[in-house]
Structure formats: structure tokens, C-alpha cells
Amino acid sequence: MEIIISKDFIMNVINQIVKINSSEFLRKIFNLSTKISFENDAIMIRVLLFKYYIRIFKIPEQLSGVLEFEHNLPLSIINKEKLPKNIFIDKKRLYVYIPENIITKNLKIEKLSFDKELIILKLKIN
């Protein structure tokens, strides 16, 4: 079983975070100047002259659990209180919690890989 996440989906998620956390002016600059690419198990985000990354650090064995990423995102412009409750971010790490349920409990993460414009998550049923 595979879950495929497109570059457009990632861009929409990032746009929502920017929308929640910034002014109208910053949103417009972000929308017009942002480029996203996937390189070496990382999401590269280029905004004007700045280059940010979100890189896989730790993947849980089961689909449920905490995905841990390292990053260099500018925390000064991110309102942590407005992030979804399952996302926590600190100075160098980003944590995404996937709660356990009947589906996630029975799926193992076999492989997480990055293609040119896709994130591919291969799953295996226990």
C-alpha cells in the first residue's frame, strides 16, 4: 500500500500555516516567491533569497506515533499556539504526532522516500 503526497499538497499545508501566522503582505510575498522541491529526504523551501529545509530525522515503526524532522525554519514568525495540536515545533526539531486508531495501529511504515515532486510512503499491514 502506498500513500503519495504531492508537492502541491505540501504547498497548500505551508500556505495555511503562513495564512494563520502572518500578515496579508507576507502571505502575498510568500505565495508569489516560494518554490518547493524534494531533495535527499528533505523538503527544500525557497522564499526570495532564503532557503529553508525540513528533513526526516526519525520515523516510527508503526504509522501511529511521532514523526520527527529537523529544520531551519524561522521560528520568530511562526505562532506556535496556532499550529494544529498534533504538530509541535522547537528550535531545531518539528514533531508530527499521528494518533493510534484501528487503522494506524495495524500499519507499519516500510519506506518513506522523496521523488522529484512526490513524497511516497510505503506501508505494510501487520
N, C-alpha and C. Protein backbone atom coordinates (compact mmCIF):
# COMPACT_ATOMS: atom_id res chain seq x y z
N MET A 1 0.84 -1.16 0.00
CA MET A 1 0.00 0.00 0.00
C MET A 1 0.89 1.24 0.00
N GLU A 2 0.54 2.23 -0.80
CA GLU A 2 1.31 3.46 -0.89
C GLU A 2 0.43 4.68 -0.67
N ILE A 3 1.00 5.64 0.01
CA ILE A 3 0.38 6.95 0.13
C ILE A 3 1.31 7.91 -0.59
N ILE A 4 0.77 8.65 -1.55
CA ILE A 4 1.57 9.58 -2.32
C ILE A 4 1.11 11.00 -2.01
N ILE A 5 2.07 11.83 -1.61
CA ILE A 5 1.78 13.22 -1.26
C ILE A 5 2.47 14.11 -2.29
N SER A 6 1.70 14.96 -2.93
CA SER A 6 2.25 15.80 -3.99
C SER A 6 2.86 17.09 -3.44
N LYS A 7 3.68 17.70 -4.27
CA LYS A 7 4.28 18.98 -3.95
C LYS A 7 3.19 20.04 -3.73
N ASP A 8 2.12 19.96 -4.50
CA ASP A 8 1.01 20.91 -4.37
C ASP A 8 0.34 20.80 -3.00
N PHE A 9 0.18 19.58 -2.51
CA PHE A 9 -0.42 19.37 -1.19
C PHE A 9 0.46 20.00 -0.10
N ILE A 10 1.78 19.76 -0.18
CA ILE A 10 2.72 20.33 0.79
C ILE A 10 2.64 21.85 0.74
N MET A 11 2.58 22.40 -0.47
CA MET A 11 2.49 23.86 -0.63
C MET A 11 1.21 24.39 0.01
N ASN A 12 0.10 23.67 -0.15
CA ASN A 12 -1.16 24.10 0.47
C ASN A 12 -1.08 24.09 2.00
N VAL A 13 -0.44 23.07 2.56
CA VAL A 13 -0.26 23.00 4.02
C VAL A 13 0.59 24.17 4.50
N ILE A 14 1.69 24.43 3.81
CA ILE A 14 2.56 25.54 4.19
C ILE A 14 1.82 26.87 4.05
N ASN A 15 1.04 27.01 2.99
CA ASN A 15 0.25 28.24 2.80
C ASN A 15 -0.73 28.46 3.95
N GLN A 16 -1.34 27.38 4.44
CA GLN A 16 -2.27 27.50 5.57
C GLN A 16 -1.54 27.95 6.83
N ILE A 17 -0.34 27.42 7.06
CA ILE A 17 0.45 27.83 8.23
C ILE A 17 0.83 29.29 8.10
N VAL A 18 1.25 29.71 6.91
CA VAL A 18 1.60 31.11 6.69
C VAL A 18 0.37 32.00 6.86
N LYS A 19 -0.76 31.54 6.36
CA LYS A 19 -2.01 32.30 6.46
C LYS A 19 -2.39 32.56 7.92
N ILE A 20 -2.23 31.55 8.74
CA ILE A 20 -2.58 31.65 10.16
C ILE A 20 -1.59 32.55 10.90
N ASN A 21 -0.33 32.53 10.49
CA ASN A 21 0.74 33.13 11.27
C ASN A 21 1.28 34.46 10.77
N SER A 22 0.76 35.01 9.70
CA SER A 22 1.40 36.22 9.18
C SER A 22 0.40 37.23 8.65
N SER A 23 0.93 38.36 8.28
CA SER A 23 0.10 39.44 7.75
C SER A 23 -0.24 39.18 6.28
N GLU A 24 -1.15 39.96 5.77
CA GLU A 24 -1.57 39.86 4.37
C GLU A 24 -0.38 40.09 3.43
N PHE A 25 0.43 41.07 3.75
CA PHE A 25 1.60 41.40 2.93
C PHE A 25 2.57 40.22 2.84
N LEU A 26 2.89 39.63 3.98
CA LEU A 26 3.81 38.48 3.99
C LEU A 26 3.23 37.29 3.23
N ARG A 27 1.92 37.08 3.35
CA ARG A 27 1.28 35.98 2.61
C ARG A 27 1.43 36.16 1.11
N LYS A 28 1.23 37.38 0.64
CA LYS A 28 1.34 37.64 -0.80
C LYS A 28 2.76 37.42 -1.30
N ILE A 29 3.74 37.90 -0.55
CA ILE A 29 5.14 37.68 -0.92
C ILE A 29 5.44 36.18 -0.94
N PHE A 30 4.99 35.50 0.09
CA PHE A 30 5.22 34.06 0.18
C PHE A 30 4.61 33.33 -1.01
N ASN A 31 3.36 33.63 -1.33
CA ASN A 31 2.67 32.95 -2.43
C ASN A 31 3.32 33.21 -3.78
N LEU A 32 3.84 34.39 -3.99
CA LEU A 32 4.43 34.73 -5.28
C LEU A 32 5.87 34.25 -5.44
N SER A 33 6.59 34.11 -4.35
CA SER A 33 8.02 33.85 -4.47
C SER A 33 8.49 32.49 -3.97
N THR A 34 7.60 31.66 -3.48
CA THR A 34 8.02 30.40 -2.87
C THR A 34 8.15 29.28 -3.89
N LYS A 35 9.25 28.55 -3.77
CA LYS A 35 9.49 27.36 -4.58
C LYS A 35 9.77 26.21 -3.62
N ILE A 36 9.17 25.06 -3.90
CA ILE A 36 9.38 23.87 -3.07
C ILE A 36 9.96 22.78 -3.94
N SER A 37 10.94 22.06 -3.37
CA SER A 37 11.49 20.89 -4.07
C SER A 37 11.82 19.83 -3.03
N PHE A 38 11.95 18.60 -3.50
CA PHE A 38 12.31 17.48 -2.63
C PHE A 38 13.70 17.02 -3.02
N GLU A 39 14.62 17.03 -2.06
CA GLU A 39 16.00 16.63 -2.32
C GLU A 39 16.53 15.85 -1.13
N ASN A 40 17.12 14.70 -1.37
CA ASN A 40 17.81 13.93 -0.33
C ASN A 40 17.01 13.81 0.97
N ASP A 41 15.81 13.29 0.89
CA ASP A 41 14.94 13.11 2.06
C ASP A 41 14.65 14.40 2.80
N ALA A 42 14.56 15.50 2.06
CA ALA A 42 14.24 16.79 2.67
C ALA A 42 13.30 17.56 1.77
N ILE A 43 12.50 18.39 2.40
CA ILE A 43 11.66 19.34 1.67
C ILE A 43 12.42 20.66 1.71
N MET A 44 12.80 21.16 0.55
CA MET A 44 13.53 22.43 0.44
C MET A 44 12.51 23.51 0.10
N ILE A 45 12.54 24.60 0.86
CA ILE A 45 11.61 25.71 0.66
C ILE A 45 12.44 26.97 0.41
N ARG A 46 12.26 27.56 -0.76
CA ARG A 46 12.98 28.79 -1.10
C ARG A 46 11.97 29.94 -1.16
N VAL A 47 12.23 30.96 -0.34
CA VAL A 47 11.39 32.15 -0.31
C VAL A 47 12.31 33.35 -0.52
N LEU A 48 12.14 34.00 -1.65
CA LEU A 48 13.02 35.10 -2.05
C LEU A 48 14.47 34.63 -1.97
N LEU A 49 15.29 35.23 -1.11
CA LEU A 49 16.70 34.85 -1.01
C LEU A 49 16.97 33.83 0.09
N PHE A 50 15.93 33.41 0.80
CA PHE A 50 16.09 32.50 1.93
C PHE A 50 15.84 31.06 1.51
N LYS A 51 16.60 30.16 2.12
CA LYS A 51 16.44 28.74 1.82
C LYS A 51 16.24 28.00 3.14
N TYR A 52 15.10 27.30 3.24
CA TYR A 52 14.77 26.53 4.44
C TYR A 52 14.63 25.06 4.07
N TYR A 53 14.75 24.21 5.07
CA TYR A 53 14.57 22.77 4.83
C TYR A 53 13.81 22.14 5.99
N ILE A 54 13.16 21.04 5.68
CA ILE A 54 12.55 20.15 6.68
C ILE A 54 13.01 18.76 6.28
N ARG A 55 13.82 18.12 7.12
CA ARG A 55 14.44 16.84 6.80
C ARG A 55 13.99 15.77 7.78
N ILE A 56 13.74 14.58 7.27
CA ILE A 56 13.36 13.45 8.13
C ILE A 56 14.48 13.16 9.12
N PHE A 57 14.11 13.04 10.40
CA PHE A 57 15.09 12.69 11.42
C PHE A 57 14.79 11.31 12.01
N LYS A 58 13.51 11.07 12.31
CA LYS A 58 13.14 9.79 12.92
C LYS A 58 11.73 9.42 12.49
N ILE A 59 11.56 8.18 12.07
CA ILE A 59 10.27 7.67 11.63
C ILE A 59 9.87 6.54 12.58
N PRO A 60 8.63 6.56 13.09
CA PRO A 60 8.21 5.45 13.95
C PRO A 60 8.03 4.18 13.13
N GLU A 61 8.12 3.04 13.79
CA GLU A 61 7.93 1.77 13.09
C GLU A 61 6.49 1.61 12.61
N GLN A 62 5.56 1.97 13.48
CA GLN A 62 4.13 1.92 13.13
C GLN A 62 3.74 3.25 12.48
N LEU A 63 2.62 3.26 11.78
CA LEU A 63 2.13 4.51 11.20
C LEU A 63 1.74 5.50 12.30
N SER A 64 1.20 4.98 13.40
CA SER A 64 0.90 5.86 14.53
C SER A 64 2.20 6.13 15.29
N GLY A 65 2.29 7.28 15.88
CA GLY A 65 3.49 7.64 16.62
C GLY A 65 3.93 9.04 16.25
N VAL A 66 5.19 9.32 16.49
CA VAL A 66 5.71 10.66 16.25
C VAL A 66 6.73 10.63 15.12
N LEU A 67 6.45 11.40 14.09
CA LEU A 67 7.43 11.63 13.02
C LEU A 67 8.27 12.82 13.47
N GLU A 68 9.59 12.66 13.42
CA GLU A 68 10.47 13.72 13.89
C GLU A 68 11.29 14.24 12.71
N PHE A 69 11.31 15.56 12.56
CA PHE A 69 12.03 16.20 11.48
C PHE A 69 12.99 17.23 12.06
N GLU A 70 14.11 17.46 11.36
CA GLU A 70 14.96 18.59 11.71
C GLU A 70 14.67 19.70 10.71
N HIS A 71 14.89 20.94 11.11
CA HIS A 71 14.54 22.06 10.25
C HIS A 71 15.40 23.28 10.56
N ASN A 72 15.30 24.26 9.69
CA ASN A 72 15.91 25.57 9.94
C ASN A 72 14.88 26.68 9.68
N LEU A 73 13.63 26.41 10.01
CA LEU A 73 12.55 27.38 9.79
C LEU A 73 12.69 28.57 10.74
N PRO A 74 12.26 29.74 10.32
CA PRO A 74 12.36 30.93 11.18
C PRO A 74 11.25 30.94 12.24
N LEU A 75 11.56 30.49 13.43
CA LEU A 75 10.55 30.37 14.50
C LEU A 75 9.99 31.72 14.94
N SER A 76 10.72 32.78 14.70
CA SER A 76 10.26 34.10 15.13
C SER A 76 8.98 34.54 14.42
N ILE A 77 8.71 33.98 13.25
CA ILE A 77 7.49 34.37 12.53
C ILE A 77 6.39 33.31 12.60
N ILE A 78 6.62 32.24 13.36
CA ILE A 78 5.62 31.17 13.49
C ILE A 78 4.94 31.28 14.85
N ASN A 79 3.64 31.39 14.84
CA ASN A 79 2.86 31.42 16.07
C ASN A 79 2.55 29.97 16.45
N LYS A 80 3.28 29.44 17.42
CA LYS A 80 3.16 28.03 17.79
C LYS A 80 1.77 27.69 18.33
N GLU A 81 1.11 28.65 18.97
CA GLU A 81 -0.22 28.39 19.52
C GLU A 81 -1.27 28.14 18.44
N LYS A 82 -1.02 28.63 17.24
CA LYS A 82 -1.99 28.48 16.16
C LYS A 82 -1.74 27.26 15.28
N LEU A 83 -0.68 26.52 15.56
CA LEU A 83 -0.41 25.29 14.80
C LEU A 83 -1.42 24.22 15.20
N PRO A 84 -1.68 23.25 14.33
CA PRO A 84 -2.56 22.14 14.73
C PRO A 84 -2.00 21.46 15.99
N LYS A 85 -2.89 20.88 16.79
CA LYS A 85 -2.50 20.29 18.07
C LYS A 85 -1.54 19.12 17.93
N ASN A 86 -1.53 18.47 16.76
CA ASN A 86 -0.64 17.32 16.58
C ASN A 86 0.73 17.72 16.04
N ILE A 87 1.01 19.01 15.92
CA ILE A 87 2.31 19.49 15.44
C ILE A 87 2.96 20.33 16.53
N PHE A 88 4.21 19.99 16.86
CA PHE A 88 4.99 20.75 17.83
C PHE A 88 6.31 21.12 17.16
N ILE A 89 6.75 22.35 17.37
CA ILE A 89 8.00 22.79 16.75
C ILE A 89 8.86 23.47 17.81
N ASP A 90 10.15 23.15 17.81
CA ASP A 90 11.09 23.86 18.66
C ASP A 90 12.26 24.33 17.80
N LYS A 91 13.35 24.73 18.42
CA LYS A 91 14.44 25.40 17.70
C LYS A 91 14.96 24.62 16.49
N LYS A 92 15.18 23.34 16.62
CA LYS A 92 15.75 22.55 15.53
C LYS A 92 14.90 21.36 15.11
N ARG A 93 13.82 21.08 15.82
CA ARG A 93 13.00 19.89 15.54
C ARG A 93 11.54 20.26 15.32
N LEU A 94 10.91 19.45 14.47
CA LEU A 94 9.48 19.54 14.20
C LEU A 94 8.92 18.15 14.44
N TYR A 95 7.87 18.05 15.26
CA TYR A 95 7.28 16.77 15.61
C TYR A 95 5.84 16.73 15.11
N VAL A 96 5.49 15.65 14.43
CA VAL A 96 4.12 15.45 13.96
C VAL A 96 3.62 14.16 14.59
N TYR A 97 2.58 14.29 15.43
CA TYR A 97 2.02 13.15 16.14
C TYR A 97 0.86 12.59 15.34
N ILE A 98 0.92 11.29 15.04
CA ILE A 98 -0.17 10.59 14.36
C ILE A 98 -0.80 9.66 15.40
N PRO A 99 -2.05 9.96 15.81
CA PRO A 99 -2.67 9.17 16.88
C PRO A 99 -2.95 7.73 16.46
N GLU A 100 -2.99 6.87 17.46
CA GLU A 100 -3.27 5.46 17.20
C GLU A 100 -4.77 5.24 17.07
N ASN A 101 -5.13 4.50 16.05
CA ASN A 101 -6.51 4.05 15.88
C ASN A 101 -6.46 2.67 15.23
N ILE A 102 -7.58 2.11 14.91
CA ILE A 102 -7.61 0.74 14.38
C ILE A 102 -6.83 0.61 13.07
N ILE A 103 -6.79 1.66 12.28
CA ILE A 103 -6.06 1.61 11.00
C ILE A 103 -4.57 1.83 11.22
N THR A 104 -4.20 2.92 11.90
CA THR A 104 -2.78 3.24 12.06
C THR A 104 -2.05 2.22 12.93
N LYS A 105 -2.78 1.59 13.84
CA LYS A 105 -2.18 0.59 14.73
C LYS A 105 -1.72 -0.64 13.96
N ASN A 106 -2.38 -0.95 12.86
CA ASN A 106 -2.08 -2.16 12.11
C ASN A 106 -1.25 -1.93 10.85
N LEU A 107 -0.71 -0.75 10.69
CA LEU A 107 0.13 -0.46 9.53
C LEU A 107 1.54 -0.11 9.96
N LYS A 108 2.52 -0.71 9.28
CA LYS A 108 3.93 -0.42 9.51
C LYS A 108 4.44 0.45 8.38
N ILE A 109 5.35 1.35 8.71
CA ILE A 109 5.99 2.16 7.67
C ILE A 109 7.15 1.35 7.12
N GLU A 110 7.04 0.96 5.88
CA GLU A 110 8.09 0.19 5.23
C GLU A 110 9.18 1.11 4.68
N LYS A 111 8.74 2.22 4.05
CA LYS A 111 9.71 3.13 3.46
C LYS A 111 9.07 4.50 3.25
N LEU A 112 9.84 5.53 3.50
CA LEU A 112 9.43 6.90 3.22
C LEU A 112 10.48 7.49 2.30
N SER A 113 10.08 7.88 1.10
CA SER A 113 11.07 8.38 0.14
C SER A 113 10.56 9.63 -0.56
N PHE A 114 11.48 10.36 -1.13
CA PHE A 114 11.18 11.59 -1.84
C PHE A 114 11.54 11.41 -3.30
N ASP A 115 10.59 11.75 -4.16
CA ASP A 115 10.82 11.78 -5.59
C ASP A 115 10.92 13.26 -5.97
N LYS A 116 11.03 13.56 -7.23
CA LYS A 116 11.17 14.96 -7.65
C LYS A 116 10.02 15.84 -7.16
N GLU A 117 8.80 15.36 -7.28
CA GLU A 117 7.64 16.18 -6.90
C GLU A 117 6.68 15.44 -5.98
N LEU A 118 7.12 14.32 -5.42
CA LEU A 118 6.23 13.49 -4.60
C LEU A 118 6.95 12.99 -3.35
N ILE A 119 6.16 12.80 -2.30
CA ILE A 119 6.62 12.05 -1.13
C ILE A 119 5.87 10.73 -1.18
N ILE A 120 6.60 9.63 -1.11
CA ILE A 120 5.99 8.31 -1.22
C ILE A 120 6.17 7.58 0.10
N LEU A 121 5.05 7.18 0.68
CA LEU A 121 5.05 6.45 1.94
C LEU A 121 4.54 5.04 1.66
N LYS A 122 5.44 4.05 1.78
CA LYS A 122 5.06 2.66 1.55
C LYS A 122 4.72 2.03 2.90
N LEU A 123 3.53 1.43 2.94
CA LEU A 123 3.03 0.84 4.18
C LEU A 123 2.86 -0.66 4.02
N LYS A 124 2.92 -1.34 5.15
CA LYS A 124 2.76 -2.79 5.18
C LYS A 124 1.78 -3.13 6.30
N ILE A 125 0.85 -4.03 6.02
CA ILE A 125 -0.12 -4.44 7.03
C ILE A 125 0.54 -5.45 7.96
N ASN A 126 0.36 -5.26 9.28
CA ASN A 126 0.93 -6.21 10.27
C ASN A 126 0.34 -7.58 10.10
